[in-house]
C-alpha atoms as a PDB file:
ATOM      1  CA  MET A   1      -7.409 -15.306  -1.217  1.00  0.00           C
ATOM      2  CA  LEU A   2      -4.147 -13.593  -3.151  1.00  0.00           C
ATOM      3  CA  TYR A   3      -4.413 -10.119  -4.204  1.00  0.00           C
ATOM      4  CA  LEU A   4      -1.814  -8.323  -6.299  1.00  0.00           C
ATOM      5  CA  LEU A   5      -1.860  -4.686  -5.274  1.00  0.00           C
ATOM      6  CA  ASP A   6      -0.324  -1.953  -7.300  1.00  0.00           C
ATOM      7  CA  PHE A   7      -0.125   1.308  -5.503  1.00  0.00           C
ATOM      8  CA  GLN A   8       0.730   4.716  -7.788  1.00  0.00           C
ATOM      9  CA  VAL A   9       1.250   7.528  -5.260  1.00  0.00           C
ATOM     10  CA  GLU A  10       0.908  11.237  -5.988  1.00  0.00           C
ATOM     11  CA  TYR A  11       0.882  14.284  -3.788  1.00  0.00           C
ATOM     12  CA  GLY A  12      -0.698  17.483  -3.530  1.00  0.00           C
ATOM     13  CA  PRO A  13       0.421  21.078  -4.395  1.00  0.00           C
ATOM     14  CA  THR A  14       0.923  21.711  -0.374  1.00  0.00           C
ATOM     15  CA  MET A  15       2.685  18.547   0.510  1.00  0.00           C
ATOM     16  CA  THR A  16       6.186  18.748   0.372  1.00  0.00           C
ATOM     17  CA  GLN A  17       8.743  15.897  -0.743  1.00  0.00           C
ATOM     18  CA  LYS A  18       9.692  15.948   3.152  1.00  0.00           C
ATOM     19  CA  ASP A  19       6.248  15.351   4.189  1.00  0.00           C
ATOM     20  CA  LEU A  20       5.772  12.385   1.397  1.00  0.00           C
ATOM     21  CA  PHE A  21       8.912  10.606   2.778  1.00  0.00           C
ATOM     22  CA  SER A  22       7.276  10.836   6.296  1.00  0.00           C
ATOM     23  CA  VAL A  23       4.139   9.414   5.392  1.00  0.00           C
ATOM     24  CA  TRP A  24       5.926   6.977   3.309  1.00  0.00           C
ATOM     25  CA  SER A  25       8.332   5.703   6.052  1.00  0.00           C
ATOM     26  CA  LYS A  26       5.163   5.034   8.493  1.00  0.00           C
ATOM     27  CA  GLU A  27       3.878   2.885   5.557  1.00  0.00           C
ATOM     28  CA  ALA A  28       6.832   1.213   5.030  1.00  0.00           C
ATOM     29  CA  ALA A  29       7.271   0.316   8.551  1.00  0.00           C
ATOM     30  CA  THR A  30       3.196  -0.955   8.421  1.00  0.00           C
ATOM     31  CA  ALA A  31       3.831  -2.891   5.250  1.00  0.00           C
ATOM     32  CA  LEU A  32       6.960  -4.596   6.621  1.00  0.00           C
ATOM     33  CA  ASN A  33       5.248  -5.681   9.634  1.00  0.00           C
ATOM     34  CA  ALA A  34       2.405  -6.997   7.763  1.00  0.00           C
ATOM     35  CA  LYS A  35       4.767  -9.229   6.000  1.00  0.00           C
ATOM     36  CA  LYS A  36       6.380 -10.622   8.921  1.00  0.00           C
ATOM     37  CA  ALA A  37       2.975 -11.388  10.015  1.00  0.00           C
ATOM     38  CA  GLY A  38       2.111 -13.269   6.744  1.00  0.00           C
ATOM     39  CA  VAL A  39      -0.671 -10.892   5.627  1.00  0.00           C
ATOM     40  CA  VAL A  40       1.855  -9.459   2.768  1.00  0.00           C
ATOM     41  CA  VAL A  41       3.392 -12.134   0.652  1.00  0.00           C
ATOM     42  CA  ASP A  42       5.895 -10.074  -1.052  1.00  0.00           C
ATOM     43  CA  LEU A  43       6.516  -6.397  -1.801  1.00  0.00           C
ATOM     44  CA  TRP A  44       8.421  -4.013  -4.216  1.00  0.00           C
ATOM     45  CA  LYS A  45       9.369  -0.662  -4.546  1.00  0.00           C
ATOM     46  CA  CYS A  46       9.773   0.220  -8.320  1.00  0.00           C
ATOM     47  CA  VAL A  47      12.708   2.362  -8.711  1.00  0.00           C
ATOM     48  CA  GLY A  48      12.413   5.827  -9.500  1.00  0.00           C
ATOM     49  CA  GLU A  49       8.817   5.779  -9.188  1.00  0.00           C
ATOM     50  CA  ARG A  50       6.487   6.549  -6.568  1.00  0.00           C
ATOM     51  CA  ARG A  51       4.780   3.078  -6.837  1.00  0.00           C
ATOM     52  CA  VAL A  52       4.775  -0.138  -4.853  1.00  0.00           C
ATOM     53  CA  ILE A  53       3.550  -3.632  -5.807  1.00  0.00           C
ATOM     54  CA  ALA A  54       2.309  -6.144  -3.114  1.00  0.00           C
ATOM     55  CA  ILE A  55       1.013  -9.489  -3.093  1.00  0.00           C
ATOM     56  CA  VAL A  56      -1.118 -10.004  -0.204  1.00  0.00           C
ATOM     57  CA  ASN A  57      -2.889 -12.913   1.433  1.00  0.00           C
ATOM     58  CA  VAL A  58      -6.461 -12.220   3.227  1.00  0.00           C
ATOM     59  CA  ASP A  59      -9.610 -14.097   3.804  1.00  0.00           C
ATOM     60  CA  SER A  60     -12.075 -11.922   1.973  1.00  0.00           C
ATOM     61  CA  PRO A  61     -12.360  -8.943  -0.043  1.00  0.00           C
ATOM     62  CA  ASP A  62     -13.980  -7.172   2.915  1.00  0.00           C
ATOM     63  CA  THR A  63     -10.762  -7.545   4.936  1.00  0.00           C
ATOM     64  CA  LEU A  64      -8.735  -6.225   2.273  1.00  0.00           C
ATOM     65  CA  ASP A  65     -11.015  -3.325   2.029  1.00  0.00           C
ATOM     66  CA  GLN A  66     -10.508  -2.607   5.688  1.00  0.00           C
ATOM     67  CA  ILE A  67      -6.905  -3.273   5.701  1.00  0.00           C
ATOM     68  CA  LEU A  68      -6.455  -0.716   2.757  1.00  0.00           C
ATOM     69  CA  PHE A  69      -8.684   2.221   4.515  1.00  0.00           C
ATOM     70  CA  THR A  70      -6.499   1.702   7.552  1.00  0.00           C
ATOM     71  CA  LEU A  71      -3.205   2.157   5.983  1.00  0.00           C
ATOM     72  CA  PRO A  72      -1.029   5.086   7.028  1.00  0.00           C
ATOM     73  CA  ILE A  73      -0.452   6.300   3.608  1.00  0.00           C
ATOM     74  CA  MET A  74      -4.417   6.377   2.878  1.00  0.00           C
ATOM     75  CA  LYS A  75      -5.396   7.971   6.082  1.00  0.00           C
ATOM     76  CA  ALA A  76      -2.877  11.041   5.422  1.00  0.00           C
ATOM     77  CA  MET A  77      -3.305  10.968   1.631  1.00  0.00           C
ATOM     78  CA  GLY A  78      -5.839   8.627   0.179  1.00  0.00           C
ATOM     79  CA  GLN A  79      -6.943  10.974  -2.475  1.00  0.00           C
ATOM     80  CA  TYR A  80      -3.643  11.012  -3.932  1.00  0.00           C
ATOM     81  CA  VAL A  81      -2.935   7.044  -4.125  1.00  0.00           C
ATOM     82  CA  ASN A  82      -4.497   4.894  -6.813  1.00  0.00           C
ATOM     83  CA  VAL A  83      -4.532   1.173  -6.114  1.00  0.00           C
ATOM     84  CA  LYS A  84      -4.875  -1.450  -8.861  1.00  0.00           C
ATOM     85  CA  LEU A  85      -6.188  -4.479  -7.580  1.00  0.00           C
ATOM     86  CA  THR A  86      -6.103  -8.127  -9.223  1.00  0.00           C
ATOM     87  CA  PHE A  87      -7.517 -11.121  -7.601  1.00  0.00           C
ATOM     88  CA  ALA A  88      -5.434 -14.351  -7.905  1.00  0.00           C
ATOM     89  CA  PRO A  89      -7.543 -17.156  -7.505  1.00  0.00           C
ATOM     90  CA  ALA A  90      -5.868 -20.277  -6.305  1.00  0.00           C
END
């Protein structure tokens, strides 16, 4: 099943930009590994924004839910990450 994920990332008042970039770097490594594994079909970072768009291929909504909640960025600062999800039927 293909899904379009649109991540908008904010950060709280106690987090510095350096802290954000540290988490973002871990997230990028995870996303690139998922791309190599075929879970992430494609991935784009929007220039000038804290926004990432991804197309993912997973077997079920439950699998996608599990993946999303284990992402480094969600573990570190999930309350500041807004994910819009669109299902792309085959």
